[in-house]
Protein backbone atom coordinates (compact mmCIF):
# COMPACT_ATOMS: atom_id res chain seq x y z
CA MET A 1 -47.47 112.13 115.51
CA ASN A 2 -51.26 112.62 115.42
CA PRO A 3 -52.67 111.18 112.15
CA LEU A 4 -54.28 114.29 111.10
CA PHE A 5 -50.98 116.04 110.64
CA THR A 6 -49.52 113.07 108.44
CA PRO A 7 -48.48 113.22 105.19
CA ILE A 8 -51.17 111.92 102.35
CA ALA A 9 -50.82 111.74 98.21
CA ILE A 10 -53.53 112.15 96.09
CA ASP A 11 -52.40 110.78 92.35
CA GLY A 12 -48.97 112.37 92.35
CA LEU A 13 -49.40 115.31 94.68
CA THR A 14 -48.47 114.99 98.73
CA LEU A 15 -50.03 116.91 100.68
CA ALA A 16 -48.74 117.76 104.52
CA ASN A 17 -51.42 117.20 106.43
CA ARG A 18 -55.09 116.07 106.59
CA ILE A 19 -56.48 119.60 106.92
CA VAL A 20 -58.17 120.61 103.69
CA ILE A 21 -59.51 124.42 102.87
CA PRO A 22 -63.03 123.24 101.19
CA PRO A 23 -64.43 125.92 97.99
CA MET A 24 -66.45 128.57 99.41
CA ASP A 25 -67.76 131.01 96.79
CA GLN A 26 -66.61 134.40 97.56
CA TYR A 27 -69.40 136.26 94.85
CA SER A 28 -66.36 138.95 94.21
CA ALA A 29 -65.35 138.41 90.85
CA GLN A 30 -65.54 140.34 87.68
CA ASP A 31 -66.22 139.18 84.46
CA GLY A 32 -65.49 135.76 85.66
CA SER A 33 -62.18 137.19 86.82
CA PRO A 34 -60.56 136.51 90.16
CA THR A 35 -60.00 140.19 91.73
CA ALA A 36 -57.91 141.60 94.99
CA TRP A 37 -60.21 140.55 97.28
CA HIS A 38 -59.46 136.61 96.16
CA SER A 39 -55.40 137.50 96.18
CA MET A 40 -55.99 138.43 99.62
CA HIS A 41 -58.39 135.88 100.93
CA TYR A 42 -56.62 132.72 98.87
CA GLY A 43 -53.25 134.29 100.10
CA HIS A 44 -54.66 134.23 103.66
CA LEU A 45 -55.66 130.73 103.38
CA ALA A 46 -52.79 129.14 101.83
CA LEU A 47 -50.61 130.27 104.11
CA SER A 48 -53.09 128.98 107.52
CA GLY A 49 -51.22 125.55 107.82
CA ALA A 50 -53.84 123.60 106.34
CA GLY A 51 -52.14 120.41 103.72
CA LEU A 52 -54.55 122.07 100.43
CA LEU A 53 -56.89 124.76 99.49
CA VAL A 54 -59.24 124.70 96.84
CA VAL A 55 -60.77 127.44 95.44
CA GLU A 56 -64.20 128.34 94.88
CA ALA A 57 -66.21 127.19 92.36
CA THR A 58 -65.40 128.32 88.54
CA ALA A 59 -67.46 128.09 86.09
CA VAL A 60 -66.47 126.26 82.91
CA GLU A 61 -68.88 128.78 80.82
CA PRO A 62 -70.91 131.88 80.54
CA ALA A 63 -74.08 129.94 82.01
CA GLY A 64 -72.65 127.56 84.38
CA ARG A 65 -72.08 131.13 86.73
CA ILE A 66 -74.23 130.28 90.29
CA SER A 67 -74.01 134.30 90.37
CA PRO A 68 -72.92 137.53 88.05
CA TYR A 69 -69.77 137.61 90.58
CA ASP A 70 -68.43 133.91 90.00
CA LEU A 71 -65.03 132.91 89.07
CA GLY A 72 -64.58 131.58 85.24
CA LEU A 73 -62.13 129.71 83.76
CA TRP A 74 -63.20 129.80 79.85
CA ASP A 75 -61.18 132.57 78.15
CA ASP A 76 -58.04 133.66 77.64
CA THR A 77 -58.34 136.92 80.71
CA GLN A 78 -59.62 134.98 83.08
CA GLU A 79 -56.78 132.18 82.99
CA ALA A 80 -54.25 134.90 83.20
CA ALA A 81 -55.75 136.71 86.03
CA HIS A 82 -55.61 132.94 87.78
CA LYS A 83 -51.93 132.77 86.63
CA ALA A 84 -51.35 136.34 88.20
CA MET A 85 -53.23 135.80 91.60
CA LEU A 86 -51.18 132.09 91.85
CA GLN A 87 -48.24 133.88 91.26
CA PHE A 88 -48.94 136.47 93.89
CA ILE A 89 -50.27 133.90 96.74
CA ARG A 90 -47.15 131.56 95.89
CA GLN A 91 -44.32 134.88 96.23
CA CYS A 92 -45.52 135.66 99.91
CA GLY A 93 -44.51 132.44 101.31
CA ASN A 94 -44.80 128.62 101.78
CA ALA A 95 -48.14 128.30 100.12
CA ALA A 96 -50.37 125.25 100.41
CA PRO A 97 -51.21 122.99 96.70
CA ILE A 98 -54.12 125.07 95.69
CA ALA A 99 -56.93 123.55 93.60
CA VAL A 100 -59.50 124.66 91.40
CA GLN A 101 -63.26 123.49 92.10
CA LEU A 102 -64.34 123.55 88.21
CA GLY A 103 -68.42 123.16 88.42
CA HIS A 104 -71.35 124.43 86.45
CA SER A 105 -74.80 125.67 87.93
CA GLY A 106 -77.26 124.28 85.93
CA ARG A 107 -81.06 125.66 87.43
CA LYS A 108 -79.55 126.77 90.42
CA GLY A 109 -77.57 129.83 87.85
CA ALA A 110 -78.60 133.47 87.18
CA THR A 111 -79.19 134.14 90.85
CA ALA A 112 -78.58 137.34 93.19
CA ARG A 113 -75.41 137.10 95.74
CA PRO A 114 -76.45 135.84 98.78
CA TRP A 115 -76.00 139.63 101.10
CA GLU A 116 -78.18 140.46 98.08
CA GLY A 117 -80.97 138.22 98.57
CA GLY A 118 -79.85 135.19 96.80
CA GLY A 119 -83.10 135.32 94.71
CA PRO A 120 -83.42 134.91 90.68
CA LEU A 121 -82.61 137.41 88.42
CA ALA A 122 -84.13 137.39 85.15
CA PRO A 123 -82.40 138.29 81.57
CA GLY A 124 -83.17 142.33 82.32
CA GLN A 125 -81.94 141.83 86.15
CA GLY A 126 -78.29 140.49 85.27
CA GLY A 127 -79.80 137.20 84.76
CA TRP A 128 -79.30 134.75 81.78
CA GLU A 129 -81.31 131.41 80.59
CA ILE A 130 -80.45 128.73 82.17
CA TYR A 131 -80.17 124.80 81.41
CA ALA A 132 -80.97 121.67 83.72
CA PRO A 133 -81.42 117.85 82.90
CA SER A 134 -85.58 118.59 82.94
CA PRO A 135 -86.98 121.13 82.68
CA LEU A 136 -88.10 121.32 86.33
CA PRO A 137 -86.88 124.74 88.19
CA TYR A 138 -84.73 124.35 91.50
CA ALA A 139 -88.09 126.38 93.54
CA PRO A 140 -91.36 127.29 92.62
CA ASP A 141 -90.17 131.35 91.99
CA HIS A 142 -87.03 130.24 90.40
CA GLN A 143 -86.80 130.41 86.31
CA THR A 144 -87.75 126.75 83.99
CA PRO A 145 -84.62 125.67 82.72
CA THR A 146 -84.27 124.33 79.35
CA ALA A 147 -83.64 120.48 78.85
CA LEU A 148 -79.82 119.84 77.44
CA SER A 149 -79.52 118.20 74.83
CA ALA A 150 -76.95 115.41 74.30
CA ALA A 151 -75.25 117.60 71.51
CA ASP A 152 -75.29 120.54 74.66
CA LEU A 153 -73.80 117.96 77.01
CA ASP A 154 -70.81 117.02 74.43
CA ARG A 155 -70.33 120.47 74.10
CA LEU A 156 -70.26 121.18 78.02
CA THR A 157 -67.91 117.99 78.52
CA ALA A 158 -65.50 119.51 75.98
CA ALA A 159 -66.04 123.00 78.19
CA PHE A 160 -64.65 120.98 81.42
CA ALA A 161 -61.64 119.39 79.26
CA GLN A 162 -60.57 122.84 78.32
CA ALA A 163 -61.34 124.70 81.40
CA ALA A 164 -58.80 121.89 83.11
CA HIS A 165 -56.23 122.47 80.48
CA ARG A 166 -56.46 126.53 81.42
CA ALA A 167 -56.32 125.69 85.16
CA VAL A 168 -52.89 123.33 84.48
CA ARG A 169 -51.75 126.37 82.87
CA ALA A 170 -52.40 128.80 85.06
CA GLY A 171 -50.22 126.52 87.47
CA TYR A 172 -52.82 125.22 90.23
CA ASN A 173 -51.78 122.05 91.85
CA ALA A 174 -55.06 120.23 91.29
CA ILE A 175 -58.40 119.92 90.24
CA GLU A 176 -61.53 119.14 91.94
CA LEU A 177 -64.98 118.15 89.73
CA HIS A 178 -68.03 119.75 91.71
CA VAL A 179 -70.91 117.22 91.10
CA ALA A 180 -72.69 118.30 94.89
CA HIS A 181 -74.73 120.65 96.10
CA GLY A 182 -77.67 120.54 93.74
CA TYR A 183 -75.36 121.74 90.45
CA LEU A 184 -75.86 120.54 87.35
CA MET A 185 -73.52 116.87 87.29
CA HIS A 186 -75.54 116.76 91.03
CA GLN A 187 -78.85 117.45 89.07
CA PHE A 188 -77.99 114.63 86.34
CA LEU A 189 -77.20 112.45 89.44
CA SER A 190 -80.50 112.92 91.35
CA PRO A 191 -84.07 111.16 90.57
CA LEU A 192 -85.52 114.75 91.78
CA SER A 193 -84.02 116.53 89.12
CA ASN A 194 -83.13 114.69 86.60
CA ARG A 195 -86.47 113.09 84.95
CA ARG A 196 -84.71 112.48 81.49
CA THR A 197 -85.99 109.00 79.48
CA ASP A 198 -82.42 108.96 76.91
CA ALA A 199 -79.35 107.85 78.09
CA TYR A 200 -78.86 110.16 80.71
CA GLY A 201 -81.88 109.38 82.46
CA GLY A 202 -83.87 107.04 84.26
CA SER A 203 -81.00 103.77 85.37
CA LEU A 204 -78.39 104.87 87.96
CA GLU A 205 -76.11 103.78 85.22
CA ASN A 206 -77.67 106.57 82.73
CA ARG A 207 -77.52 109.02 85.29
CA MET A 208 -74.14 108.87 86.18
CA ARG A 209 -73.40 108.66 82.65
CA PHE A 210 -73.02 112.68 82.22
CA PRO A 211 -70.17 113.14 85.25
CA LEU A 212 -68.16 110.31 84.89
CA ALA A 213 -67.86 111.56 81.05
CA VAL A 214 -66.58 114.70 82.80
CA LEU A 215 -64.42 113.24 84.75
CA THR A 216 -62.71 110.88 81.68
CA ALA A 217 -62.50 114.11 79.52
CA VAL A 218 -60.69 115.84 82.41
CA ARG A 219 -58.43 113.38 83.50
CA ALA A 220 -57.37 112.99 79.90
CA ALA A 221 -56.89 116.67 79.75
CA VAL A 222 -54.21 116.81 82.41
CA PRO A 223 -51.04 115.50 82.60
CA GLN A 224 -50.10 112.19 84.13
CA GLY A 225 -50.22 112.23 88.25
CA PHE A 226 -52.00 115.99 88.33
CA PRO A 227 -54.78 115.14 90.79
CA VAL A 228 -58.80 115.52 89.86
CA GLY A 229 -60.85 114.84 92.70
CA VAL A 230 -64.77 115.43 93.22
CA ARG A 231 -66.89 116.61 95.52
CA VAL A 232 -70.36 115.20 95.66
CA SER A 233 -73.50 115.26 97.71
CA GLY A 234 -73.74 111.80 99.80
CA THR A 235 -77.51 112.48 100.10
CA ASP A 236 -80.17 115.07 98.95
CA PHE A 237 -81.78 114.73 102.26
CA ALA A 238 -84.92 114.78 100.69
CA PRO A 239 -87.43 111.32 100.24
CA GLY A 240 -87.32 110.07 97.06
CA GLY A 241 -83.36 111.70 96.27
CA TRP A 242 -79.69 110.88 95.86
CA ASP A 243 -78.52 109.06 99.04
CA VAL A 244 -75.77 107.23 100.11
CA GLU A 245 -75.98 103.71 99.03
CA GLU A 246 -76.80 105.71 95.37
CA CYS A 247 -73.77 107.49 96.29
CA ALA A 248 -71.13 104.84 97.33
CA VAL A 249 -72.02 103.28 93.76
CA PHE A 250 -71.20 105.98 92.67
CA ALA A 251 -67.86 106.50 94.00
CA GLN A 252 -66.92 102.78 92.88
CA ALA A 253 -67.48 104.23 89.51
CA VAL A 254 -65.29 107.80 89.90
CA ALA A 255 -62.38 105.52 91.72
CA GLN A 256 -62.03 103.44 88.61
CA GLY A 257 -62.21 106.48 86.21
CA GLY A 258 -59.17 107.88 87.96
CA ALA A 259 -60.43 109.99 90.54
CA ALA A 260 -57.75 111.08 93.10
CA TYR A 261 -59.97 111.04 95.91
CA ILE A 262 -63.63 111.84 96.95
CA HIS A 263 -64.95 114.99 99.04
CA VAL A 264 -68.70 114.24 100.73
CA SER A 265 -70.87 116.64 101.39
CA GLY A 266 -74.56 116.88 101.18
CA GLY A 267 -77.43 118.40 100.06
CA GLY A 268 -78.34 121.58 98.11
CA LEU A 269 -80.61 119.95 95.58
CA THR A 270 -84.01 120.94 96.88
CA PRO A 271 -85.45 123.65 99.34
CA GLU A 272 -87.31 120.34 100.25
CA GLN A 273 -84.65 118.96 102.43
CA HIS A 274 -84.62 118.62 106.11
CA ILE A 275 -80.90 118.36 107.70
CA ASP A 276 -80.35 117.67 111.39
CA LEU A 277 -77.64 119.81 111.98
CA ALA A 278 -74.50 118.36 114.72
CA PRO A 279 -71.06 118.49 114.66
CA GLY A 280 -69.42 116.56 112.03
CA TYR A 281 -73.33 115.65 111.08
CA GLN A 282 -72.21 114.34 107.83
CA VAL A 283 -69.41 112.32 108.64
CA GLY A 284 -71.30 108.95 108.74
CA LEU A 285 -71.92 109.81 104.46
CA ALA A 286 -68.14 109.40 104.45
CA ALA A 287 -67.49 106.60 106.14
CA ARG A 288 -70.34 104.73 104.36
CA VAL A 289 -68.22 106.19 101.11
CA LYS A 290 -65.12 105.31 101.83
CA ALA A 291 -66.35 101.47 102.77
CA ALA A 292 -67.29 101.47 99.26
CA VAL A 293 -64.13 102.49 98.20
CA PRO A 294 -60.96 101.38 100.64
CA GLY A 295 -58.04 102.80 98.11
CA LEU A 296 -59.56 105.78 97.50
CA PRO A 297 -58.63 108.56 99.64
CA VAL A 298 -62.27 110.33 101.39
CA ILE A 299 -62.57 113.84 102.81
CA ALA A 300 -65.20 114.56 105.40
CA VAL A 301 -66.92 118.05 106.37
CA GLY A 302 -70.08 119.35 108.09
CA LEU A 303 -69.93 121.18 111.22
CA ILE A 304 -66.50 119.93 111.92
CA THR A 305 -65.06 123.01 114.51
CA GLU A 306 -62.85 120.74 117.24
CA ALA A 307 -59.14 120.04 116.54
CA GLU A 308 -60.70 116.85 118.97
CA LEU A 309 -63.67 115.80 116.74
CA ALA A 310 -61.13 116.38 113.20
CA SER A 311 -58.26 114.42 114.87
CA SER A 312 -60.71 111.43 115.81
CA ILE A 313 -62.48 110.94 112.71
CA VAL A 314 -59.06 110.60 110.83
CA VAL A 315 -57.76 108.36 114.08
CA THR A 316 -61.05 105.97 113.62
CA GLY A 317 -61.05 105.54 109.78
CA GLN A 318 -64.21 107.45 108.83
CA ALA A 319 -62.33 109.56 106.33
CA ASP A 320 -59.01 110.21 105.53
CA MET A 321 -58.77 113.67 105.19
CA VAL A 322 -61.26 117.29 106.78
CA ALA A 323 -62.07 120.09 105.53
CA ILE A 324 -62.62 122.79 107.67
CA GLY A 325 -64.91 125.86 105.77
CA ARG A 326 -66.77 127.83 107.59
CA GLY A 327 -64.54 127.46 110.87
CA MET A 328 -61.24 128.36 108.37
CA LEU A 329 -63.06 131.40 107.62
CA TYR A 330 -63.95 132.39 111.36
CA ASP A 331 -60.38 131.42 112.52
CA PRO A 332 -57.68 131.46 109.45
CA ARG A 333 -55.51 130.01 111.84
CA TRP A 334 -57.52 126.77 112.81
CA PRO A 335 -54.56 124.56 111.85
CA TRP A 336 -52.15 126.68 114.06
CA HIS A 337 -54.64 126.03 116.96
CA ALA A 338 -55.54 122.61 116.36
CA ALA A 339 -51.46 121.54 116.12
CA ALA A 340 -51.27 123.09 119.65
CA THR A 341 -54.36 121.70 121.10
CA LEU A 342 -53.37 117.95 119.93
CA GLY A 343 -49.10 118.88 120.66
CA GLN A 344 -47.83 118.52 117.20
CA THR A 345 -45.65 120.53 115.48
CA LEU A 346 -46.88 122.20 112.01
CA PRO A 347 -44.49 122.83 109.52
CA GLY A 348 -44.00 126.36 107.30
CA ALA A 349 -45.56 128.95 109.07
CA PRO A 350 -44.67 132.52 108.12
CA ARG A 351 -41.61 133.55 110.03
CA GLN A 352 -42.98 136.81 109.75
CA TYR A 353 -45.22 135.30 112.27
CA LEU A 354 -43.10 133.30 114.50
CA ARG A 355 -43.68 136.17 117.87
CA SER A 356 -47.11 134.83 117.71
CA ARG A 357 -45.93 130.98 119.50
CA PRO A 358 -47.78 131.15 122.86
CA HIS A 359 -44.53 130.82 125.11
CA ASN A 360 -45.96 127.60 126.59
CA VAL A 361 -46.10 125.97 123.01
CA LYS A 362 -42.40 126.39 122.05
CA GLU A 363 -42.62 123.73 119.41
CA LEU A 364 -45.72 124.77 117.78
CA PHE A 365 -44.27 126.00 114.48
CA ALA A 366 -40.73 123.96 112.91
CA ASP A 367 -38.34 127.38 112.72
């Protein structure tokens, strides 16, 4: 059996294989609630054969949205809509376990949708006041955020815990905390965005304090054995910023805090970043983190599009799982095609689709 298609346990949840669909924002919510688009989109991906599906960044308060069309889990109406979406998906077939990513946009909030330019929105344009560790804008044309007080951080920590309660009640199988891509918890980690002089700034220990407090609060809010993972940027790809060595230390603290896995991405904190794109360009970050936390499952991500590359990452021990993002949007049957390429059998395909099995790959699906 190719290791890419072997089971793996993340806390109390066992995944059928090592293929993960990472969170990818759809910017299609209505007042923070999932719509028919989300039911169709996530239902489609949940039947793809992947081992885990992670629903897009979901804000824990209104000011935590990236755009006015982001998902939320801060009120009863949103919770009910998430629950209805999950029930719809699961009644359609053998869906993969589904996680939700909880996050807060911080200084990258109040922006338009990407296909509408993605620029900052003033309050009169549908935007809102934004918050961050320090009053430093994401870019010169963006709103200057208000620095969060210690009391604000206590309130936000409680908001994450409450959203976690809602996620469990809605029926999610796991939670991923968004500590990557330049959003609020990543903003606390990076010295480029955190210039505080209190207990939440300065030293690495201080910069880690708020994300670790959120992890502790969310772990306490969910049942024992319920997986809570953490997504990080392994580097800012910018001089003087957060780097993979600091990330390795953070990963060790995350492991000690009871995280079920760590998902290693990169960048997003500053428009000054410089990234040399190539297939698997972030895998080295995941490998360095994995070396620091050998007992914690690690997910690699970043231009992993070919079955052979995905398999080699797991076979060589650079990571325990691989996340296929844009490649899965382009080819929602990516796990089926990877299984065919690697000569594997993929259980759980919808019976309605079994006729699509190529005649020369009779064992692709387990009937």
